[in-house]
Protein backbone atom coordinates (compact mmCIF):
# COMPACT_ATOMS: atom_id res chain seq x y z
CA MET A 1 51.63 4.45 -42.49
CA THR A 2 48.22 4.52 -40.74
CA PRO A 3 47.55 7.73 -38.77
CA GLN A 4 47.16 7.28 -34.99
CA TYR A 5 44.34 8.74 -32.87
CA LYS A 6 45.58 11.72 -30.81
CA VAL A 7 44.16 12.28 -27.36
CA PRO A 8 43.78 16.05 -26.89
CA GLU A 9 45.54 17.47 -23.87
CA SER A 10 43.60 19.64 -21.47
CA THR A 11 46.00 22.58 -21.87
CA GLU A 12 45.54 22.51 -25.61
CA ILE A 13 41.75 22.43 -25.19
CA VAL A 14 41.86 25.39 -22.81
CA ARG A 15 44.13 27.28 -25.21
CA TYR A 16 41.73 26.54 -28.09
CA ILE A 17 38.68 27.66 -26.09
CA PHE A 18 40.45 30.86 -25.04
CA LYS A 19 41.31 31.49 -28.67
CA ASN A 20 37.55 31.29 -29.43
CA LYS A 21 36.49 33.21 -26.33
CA PHE A 22 34.22 35.54 -28.28
CA THR A 23 32.32 32.53 -29.61
CA VAL A 24 32.12 30.96 -26.13
CA LEU A 25 30.71 34.13 -24.61
CA GLY A 26 28.94 35.60 -27.60
CA VAL A 27 26.75 32.63 -28.55
CA PRO A 28 25.22 32.16 -25.03
CA PHE A 29 24.71 35.92 -24.75
CA ALA A 30 22.99 36.09 -28.13
CA VAL A 31 20.80 33.09 -27.34
CA SER A 32 19.88 34.58 -23.95
CA VAL A 33 18.91 37.88 -25.56
CA ILE A 34 16.77 36.09 -28.15
CA VAL A 35 15.07 33.96 -25.47
CA ALA A 36 14.51 37.05 -23.31
CA ILE A 37 12.79 38.73 -26.24
CA ILE A 38 10.68 35.63 -26.89
CA THR A 39 9.59 35.43 -23.25
CA LEU A 40 8.22 38.94 -23.55
CA PHE A 41 5.55 37.49 -25.85
CA ILE A 42 4.59 34.78 -23.35
CA PRO A 43 1.51 36.02 -21.48
CA ASN A 44 1.75 36.42 -17.73
CA LYS A 45 -0.21 33.94 -15.61
CA TYR A 46 -1.54 34.58 -12.12
CA THR A 47 -2.51 32.16 -9.37
CA SER A 48 -5.48 32.56 -7.05
CA THR A 49 -5.80 30.23 -4.07
CA ALA A 50 -8.69 29.31 -1.77
CA ASN A 51 -7.80 27.84 1.62
CA LEU A 52 -10.61 25.61 2.90
CA PHE A 53 -11.42 23.56 5.98
CA PRO A 54 -14.06 20.81 6.41
CA SER A 55 -17.21 22.21 8.01
CA GLN A 56 -18.24 20.94 11.42
CA ARG A 57 -21.79 19.59 11.06
CA PRO A 58 -24.05 20.26 14.04
CA SER A 59 -25.56 17.16 15.59
CA LEU A 60 -29.34 17.24 15.94
CA GLY A 61 -30.76 14.40 17.97
CA LEU A 62 -30.03 11.10 16.27
CA ASP A 63 -27.20 12.12 13.95
CA LEU A 64 -27.82 10.10 10.83
CA PHE A 65 -24.49 11.24 9.43
CA SER A 66 -22.29 10.26 12.34
CA GLU A 67 -19.25 8.13 11.60
CA GLN A 68 -20.41 5.44 14.02
CA GLY A 69 -23.75 4.76 12.33
CA GLY A 70 -26.84 6.18 10.79
CA LEU A 71 -26.94 7.33 7.23
CA SER A 72 -23.19 7.41 6.68
CA THR A 73 -23.06 3.67 7.37
CA ILE A 74 -26.33 2.64 5.75
CA ALA A 75 -26.23 4.87 2.70
CA SER A 76 -22.45 5.42 2.39
CA SER A 77 -22.41 9.08 3.31
CA VAL A 78 -19.96 11.27 1.52
CA LEU A 79 -18.30 12.44 4.67
CA GLY A 80 -15.34 10.47 5.98
CA GLY A 81 -11.90 10.78 7.53
CA ASN A 82 -9.22 13.28 6.53
CA SER A 83 -7.67 11.23 3.73
CA ASP A 84 -11.09 10.14 2.51
CA GLU A 85 -12.29 13.73 2.55
CA THR A 86 -9.29 14.86 0.52
CA ASN A 87 -9.84 12.13 -2.04
CA LYS A 88 -13.52 12.95 -2.16
CA TYR A 89 -12.83 16.65 -2.78
CA ILE A 90 -10.37 15.83 -5.56
CA VAL A 91 -12.82 13.42 -7.22
CA LEU A 92 -15.64 15.95 -7.08
CA LEU A 93 -13.53 18.84 -8.37
CA SER A 94 -11.78 16.83 -11.09
CA SER A 95 -14.95 15.24 -12.41
CA TYR A 96 -16.09 15.90 -15.96
CA SER A 97 -19.34 17.52 -14.84
CA THR A 98 -17.50 20.01 -12.60
CA SER A 99 -14.93 20.86 -15.29
CA LYS A 100 -17.67 21.26 -17.90
CA LYS A 101 -19.52 23.74 -15.69
CA VAL A 102 -16.34 25.76 -15.20
CA ILE A 103 -15.44 25.95 -18.91
CA ASP A 104 -19.03 26.85 -19.78
CA LYS A 105 -19.30 29.56 -17.13
CA PHE A 106 -16.02 31.25 -18.07
CA ASN A 107 -16.13 30.47 -21.80
CA LEU A 108 -12.76 28.74 -21.55
CA VAL A 109 -13.04 27.16 -25.00
CA GLU A 110 -12.55 30.65 -26.43
CA VAL A 111 -10.11 31.75 -23.73
CA TYR A 112 -7.86 28.73 -24.36
CA GLU A 113 -8.31 29.13 -28.12
CA VAL A 114 -9.37 25.54 -28.76
CA SER A 115 -12.67 26.24 -30.50
CA ASP A 116 -11.30 24.82 -33.78
CA ALA A 117 -10.10 21.57 -32.20
CA ASP A 118 -11.80 18.21 -32.87
CA ASP A 119 -12.91 18.08 -29.24
CA PRO A 120 -13.04 21.66 -27.94
CA ASP A 121 -14.55 20.76 -24.57
CA GLY A 122 -12.10 17.90 -24.00
CA ASP A 123 -9.08 20.05 -24.87
CA ALA A 124 -10.35 22.91 -22.70
CA ILE A 125 -10.91 20.53 -19.76
CA GLU A 126 -7.40 19.12 -20.19
CA ILE A 127 -5.88 22.62 -20.07
CA LEU A 128 -8.11 23.57 -17.13
CA LEU A 129 -7.03 20.56 -15.07
CA GLU A 130 -3.37 21.30 -15.87
CA ARG A 131 -3.86 24.82 -14.49
CA SER A 132 -5.95 23.77 -11.48
CA THR A 133 -4.47 22.28 -8.33
CA PHE A 134 -6.45 20.49 -5.60
CA GLU A 135 -4.37 19.50 -2.60
CA GLY A 136 -5.04 18.31 0.93
CA LEU A 137 -2.48 19.44 3.50
CA GLU A 138 -1.29 17.59 6.58
CA GLU A 139 -2.87 20.22 8.83
CA GLY A 140 -6.30 19.10 7.62
CA ASN A 141 -7.10 22.03 5.34
CA PHE A 142 -7.66 21.80 1.59
CA VAL A 143 -6.28 24.17 -1.03
CA ILE A 144 -7.72 25.03 -4.44
CA SER A 145 -5.37 26.93 -6.76
CA VAL A 146 -6.19 28.20 -10.26
CA LEU A 147 -3.66 29.54 -12.77
CA ASP A 148 -4.90 31.94 -15.43
CA GLU A 149 -3.78 34.87 -17.57
CA SER A 150 -6.37 37.07 -15.88
CA PRO A 151 -6.01 37.51 -12.08
CA THR A 152 -9.70 38.37 -11.84
CA ARG A 153 -10.77 35.28 -13.74
CA ALA A 154 -8.41 33.12 -11.65
CA LYS A 155 -10.05 34.44 -8.48
CA ASN A 156 -13.56 33.93 -9.82
CA MET A 157 -12.74 30.40 -10.97
CA ALA A 158 -11.36 29.47 -7.54
CA ASN A 159 -14.51 30.85 -5.91
CA TYR A 160 -16.66 28.91 -8.38
CA TYR A 161 -14.81 25.70 -7.55
CA VAL A 162 -15.67 26.21 -3.86
CA GLN A 163 -19.31 26.85 -4.79
CA LEU A 164 -19.49 23.72 -6.96
CA LEU A 165 -17.84 21.62 -4.25
CA ASN A 166 -20.53 22.57 -1.74
CA GLU A 167 -23.33 22.22 -4.30
CA LEU A 168 -22.22 18.75 -5.38
CA ASN A 169 -21.86 17.59 -1.80
CA THR A 170 -25.30 18.95 -0.89
CA LYS A 171 -26.76 17.13 -3.88
CA ILE A 172 -25.11 13.83 -2.94
CA VAL A 173 -25.99 14.10 0.75
CA SER A 174 -29.58 15.14 -0.05
CA ASN A 175 -29.93 12.21 -2.41
CA ASP A 176 -28.63 9.81 0.25
CA ALA A 177 -30.96 11.38 2.81
CA ARG A 178 -33.91 11.08 0.41
CA LEU A 179 -33.23 7.39 -0.22
CA TYR A 180 -32.88 6.76 3.50
CA ARG A 181 -36.03 8.74 4.27
CA GLU A 182 -37.97 6.80 1.62
CA PHE A 183 -36.77 3.52 3.11
CA LEU A 184 -37.84 4.59 6.62
CA GLU A 185 -41.13 5.95 5.32
CA LEU A 186 -41.94 2.66 3.61
CA ARG A 187 -41.08 0.69 6.74
CA TYR A 188 -42.99 3.08 8.99
CA ASN A 189 -46.13 2.93 6.84
CA GLN A 190 -45.90 -0.85 6.85
CA LEU A 191 -45.58 -0.75 10.63
CA VAL A 192 -48.68 1.45 10.95
CA LEU A 193 -50.69 -1.02 8.85
CA GLU A 194 -49.48 -3.95 10.95
CA LEU A 195 -50.37 -2.10 14.16
CA ASP A 196 -53.86 -1.30 12.85
CA SER A 197 -54.40 -4.94 11.91
CA LEU A 198 -53.21 -6.21 15.30
CA GLN A 199 -55.33 -3.67 17.16
CA SER A 200 -58.38 -4.73 15.15
CA GLU A 201 -57.75 -8.40 16.04
CA TYR A 202 -57.29 -7.44 19.67
CA ILE A 203 -60.58 -5.50 19.75
CA ASP A 204 -62.42 -8.37 18.04
CA LEU A 205 -61.06 -10.81 20.65
CA GLN A 206 -62.20 -8.50 23.45
CA LYS A 207 -65.69 -8.18 21.99
CA LYS A 208 -66.03 -11.91 21.30
CA TYR A 209 -64.90 -13.22 24.67
CA GLY A 210 -65.25 -10.20 26.94
CA VAL A 211 -61.49 -10.24 27.53
CA PHE A 212 -59.97 -6.91 28.48
CA GLU A 213 -57.12 -7.73 30.87
CA LEU A 214 -57.10 -11.52 30.94
CA PRO A 215 -54.65 -12.04 33.84
CA GLU A 216 -56.47 -9.56 36.07
CA GLN A 217 -59.89 -10.91 35.09
CA VAL A 218 -58.91 -14.53 35.82
CA LYS A 219 -57.34 -13.48 39.11
CA GLY A 220 -60.50 -11.57 40.07
CA TYR A 221 -62.80 -14.50 39.25
CA PHE A 222 -60.64 -16.96 41.17
CA ASN A 223 -60.60 -14.62 44.17
CA LEU A 224 -64.41 -14.45 44.00
CA MET A 225 -64.70 -18.25 43.83
CA GLY A 226 -62.31 -18.61 46.73
CA LEU A 227 -64.30 -16.16 48.81
CA LEU A 228 -67.59 -17.93 48.02
CA THR A 229 -66.04 -21.32 48.86
CA ALA A 230 -64.91 -19.96 52.22
CA GLN A 231 -68.39 -18.57 52.87
CA GLN A 232 -69.89 -21.94 51.87
CA LEU A 233 -67.70 -23.74 54.38
CA GLU A 234 -68.57 -21.24 57.07
CA ALA A 235 -72.30 -21.58 56.34
CA GLU A 236 -72.02 -25.40 56.32
CA VAL A 237 -70.29 -25.40 59.72
CA LYS A 238 -72.96 -23.14 61.20
CA LEU A 239 -75.69 -25.32 59.71
CA ASN A 240 -74.19 -28.46 61.25
CA VAL A 241 -73.95 -26.76 64.64
CA LEU A 242 -77.56 -25.60 64.47
CA SER A 243 -78.73 -29.09 63.50
CA GLU A 244 -77.34 -30.35 66.81
CA THR A 245 -78.65 -27.50 68.97
CA VAL A 246 -81.99 -26.41 67.51
CA SER A 247 -84.92 -27.98 65.74
CA LYS A 248 -84.71 -28.16 61.95
CA SER A 249 -88.15 -26.56 61.81
CA SER A 250 -86.93 -23.48 63.63
CA GLU A 251 -86.56 -20.17 61.76
CA LEU A 252 -82.88 -19.88 62.68
CA TYR A 253 -82.05 -23.24 61.11
CA LYS A 254 -84.18 -22.52 58.03
CA ASN A 255 -82.50 -19.15 57.49
CA GLN A 256 -79.02 -20.70 57.77
CA LEU A 257 -80.06 -23.44 55.35
CA VAL A 258 -81.27 -20.85 52.83
CA GLN A 259 -77.97 -19.00 53.11
CA TYR A 260 -75.95 -22.19 52.60
CA GLU A 261 -77.99 -23.25 49.58
CA ALA A 262 -77.71 -19.78 48.00
CA ILE A 263 -73.92 -19.81 48.30
CA SER A 264 -73.72 -23.39 46.98
CA ASN A 265 -75.94 -22.58 44.01
CA LYS A 266 -73.80 -19.58 43.10
CA LEU A 267 -70.65 -21.68 43.26
CA ASN A 268 -72.23 -24.37 41.09
CA GLU A 269 -73.29 -21.69 38.63
CA LEU A 270 -69.77 -20.36 38.44
CA TYR A 271 -68.15 -23.79 38.08
CA ASN A 272 -70.64 -24.99 35.49
CA ASP A 273 -71.01 -21.83 33.40
CA GLU A 274 -71.51 -22.97 29.79
CA ASN A 275 -71.79 -19.48 28.25
CA PRO A 276 -69.07 -19.50 25.48
CA LYS A 277 -68.60 -15.74 25.83
CA ASN A 278 -67.64 -16.10 29.48
CA ILE A 279 -64.18 -17.37 28.59
CA VAL A 280 -62.82 -16.89 32.09
CA LEU A 281 -65.13 -19.58 33.50
CA ASN A 282 -65.16 -21.73 30.34
CA PHE A 283 -62.04 -23.63 31.36
CA ASN A 284 -61.99 -25.86 28.28
CA SER A 285 -61.39 -22.84 26.00
CA LEU A 286 -59.33 -20.76 28.42
CA ALA A 287 -55.97 -22.10 27.26
CA GLU A 288 -56.69 -21.56 23.56
CA VAL A 289 -58.11 -18.06 23.97
CA GLY A 290 -55.37 -17.17 26.45
CA SER A 291 -52.80 -18.20 23.89
CA GLN A 292 -54.43 -15.97 21.27
CA TYR A 293 -54.66 -13.12 23.75
CA PHE A 294 -51.05 -13.24 24.87
CA SER A 295 -49.82 -13.72 21.28
CA LEU A 296 -51.66 -10.56 20.22
CA VAL A 297 -50.41 -8.63 23.25
CA TYR A 298 -46.83 -9.80 22.56
CA GLN A 299 -47.00 -8.76 18.90
CA LEU A 300 -48.53 -5.41 19.81
CA GLU A 301 -45.77 -4.68 22.32
CA ILE A 302 -43.09 -5.56 19.75
CA GLN A 303 -44.64 -3.34 17.10
CA ILE A 304 -45.03 -0.48 19.58
CA GLU A 305 -41.34 -0.76 20.57
CA ILE A 306 -40.35 -0.76 16.89
CA GLN A 307 -42.49 2.33 16.37
CA LYS A 308 -40.79 4.06 19.31
CA PHE A 309 -37.41 3.39 17.67
CA LEU A 310 -38.44 4.03 14.06
CA LEU A 311 -40.44 7.24 14.44
CA PRO A 312 -37.51 9.43 15.68
CA LEU A 313 -35.33 8.08 12.88
CA TYR A 314 -38.01 8.84 10.32
CA GLU A 315 -38.49 12.39 11.60
CA GLN A 316 -34.71 12.93 11.70
CA ALA A 317 -34.37 11.62 8.13
CA LYS A 318 -36.93 14.19 6.96
CA MET A 319 -34.94 16.93 8.68
CA GLU A 320 -31.67 15.73 7.13
CA GLU A 321 -33.26 15.72 3.70
CA ALA A 322 -34.54 19.25 4.11
CA LYS A 323 -31.38 20.81 5.48
CA SER A 324 -28.05 21.35 3.75
CA PHE A 325 -24.68 22.31 5.16
CA PRO A 326 -21.61 23.43 3.20
CA ILE A 327 -19.01 20.69 3.03
CA VAL A 328 -16.17 23.19 3.51
CA SER A 329 -15.68 26.55 5.17
CA VAL A 330 -13.47 29.14 3.54
CA ILE A 331 -10.52 30.11 5.72
CA ASP A 332 -8.80 32.35 3.17
CA GLU A 333 -10.87 33.54 0.23
CA PRO A 334 -9.15 33.63 -3.16
CA ARG A 335 -7.94 37.08 -4.16
CA GLU A 336 -6.57 38.73 -7.25
CA ALA A 337 -2.84 38.12 -7.48
CA ILE A 338 -0.63 41.18 -7.85
CA GLU A 339 2.54 39.35 -8.81
CA LYS A 340 2.57 36.93 -11.70
CA THR A 341 3.20 33.24 -11.16
CA SER A 342 4.69 32.58 -14.59
CA PRO A 343 6.64 32.89 -16.77
CA LYS A 344 9.80 33.25 -14.63
CA ARG A 345 11.65 35.19 -17.32
CA PHE A 346 14.85 35.75 -15.35
CA ILE A 347 15.19 32.06 -14.52
CA ILE A 348 14.41 31.07 -18.10
CA VAL A 349 17.09 33.45 -19.47
CA ILE A 350 19.71 32.32 -16.92
CA LEU A 351 19.07 28.61 -17.56
CA THR A 352 19.11 29.20 -21.31
CA GLY A 353 22.42 31.10 -21.06
CA ILE A 354 24.03 28.35 -18.98
CA SER A 355 22.76 25.66 -21.33
CA SER A 356 24.05 27.58 -24.36
CA PHE A 357 27.42 28.07 -22.69
CA ILE A 358 27.75 24.34 -21.97
CA PHE A 359 26.62 23.45 -25.48
CA THR A 360 29.10 25.90 -27.04
CA LEU A 361 31.98 24.52 -24.96
CA SER A 362 31.04 20.98 -25.92
CA PHE A 363 30.89 21.95 -29.57
CA LEU A 364 34.33 23.61 -29.50
CA VAL A 365 35.86 20.58 -27.72
CA PHE A 366 34.35 18.30 -30.32
CA LYS A 367 35.53 20.56 -33.14
CA TYR A 368 39.10 20.70 -31.77
CA ASN A 369 39.18 16.94 -31.40
CA PHE A 370 37.95 16.53 -34.96
CA THR A 371 40.56 18.96 -36.25
CA ILE A 372 43.59 17.24 -34.71
CA ASN A 373 42.33 13.81 -35.71
CA ARG A 374 41.12 14.63 -39.20
CA GLU A 375 43.64 12.30 -40.91
CA PHE A 376 42.71 9.43 -38.54
CA ILE A 377 38.96 9.93 -39.20
CA GLU A 378 39.53 10.12 -43.00
CA SER A 379 41.54 6.91 -42.85
CA LEU A 380 38.60 5.15 -41.24
CA ASN A 381 36.40 6.12 -44.17
CA ARG A 382 38.74 4.66 -46.81
């Protein structure tokens, strides 16, 4: 007859466990004691934390680093909004160059005992990043935490991270400012050359045609011609009156005739001036020269306005390149921790004891089930 599988009853299981109570309690206790002893050989680790806040940059004149424009827009300044700042800090601090400087400064290859590894620097950086935490908080501050076996070294490493963060930012911002300054300098020098060229053309035009202020000069000449024309008419009227009242051989008539002829001759001279340098009265060339004159004046005014706009930017760019501000201000400086961060020996022992207790119970239940169903299990193997 084939043996049947027996489902163990809970009371029987409890009775069996109680029968082996020393095993149920003894094994977890023994394991906990062993683990407690082992944890004594795990070195203590301490955490040092730096609490930082983004620095407020003073605005000097045209702020090239403002969020609305200037260098931050043209040259992609490092500074940004809160989330962007946090991401930027994490990128800078987690970069290979930053980590390499930290492991070199504190000789972490030896401290982490990876000098015999295939890639000592890479392994040391991996351990360093596991023990370093960079986190932006909702309040806007940024926290750098370093875990190390030495509380003094943890503090010094946190301080060094803050130093590197400011140094890297200064380097990036200075580089952006230098590129922007070089761009403005090139454009400003080009503008100066263009202004010199236009001014030379303007001076040559003045010397060639005697043009200084063309609108005022033309207006002045036309006023003069109008005045002489009025005087000519007045002299002509007087001469006609005298011709009817006095003899043409009289001195009065002769004097009036001389005056009329003098005015007429001057007007004819002005209207028929063929001197090419007298551009104001050379009406055939007035339009062409006037066009050149006003074109030069227009270009000069544009270049002068560009210079007025460009020069302050150029001077500000030189100031931005020369100055440097820390990217973050330290709210709470890192300090040497008094209490260790890890290992949490008590928690480790308690969790190990509970796990051992559960494992032992499971083993006894399995063993009891195997015992009462031995014949059934053996029959399956036949």
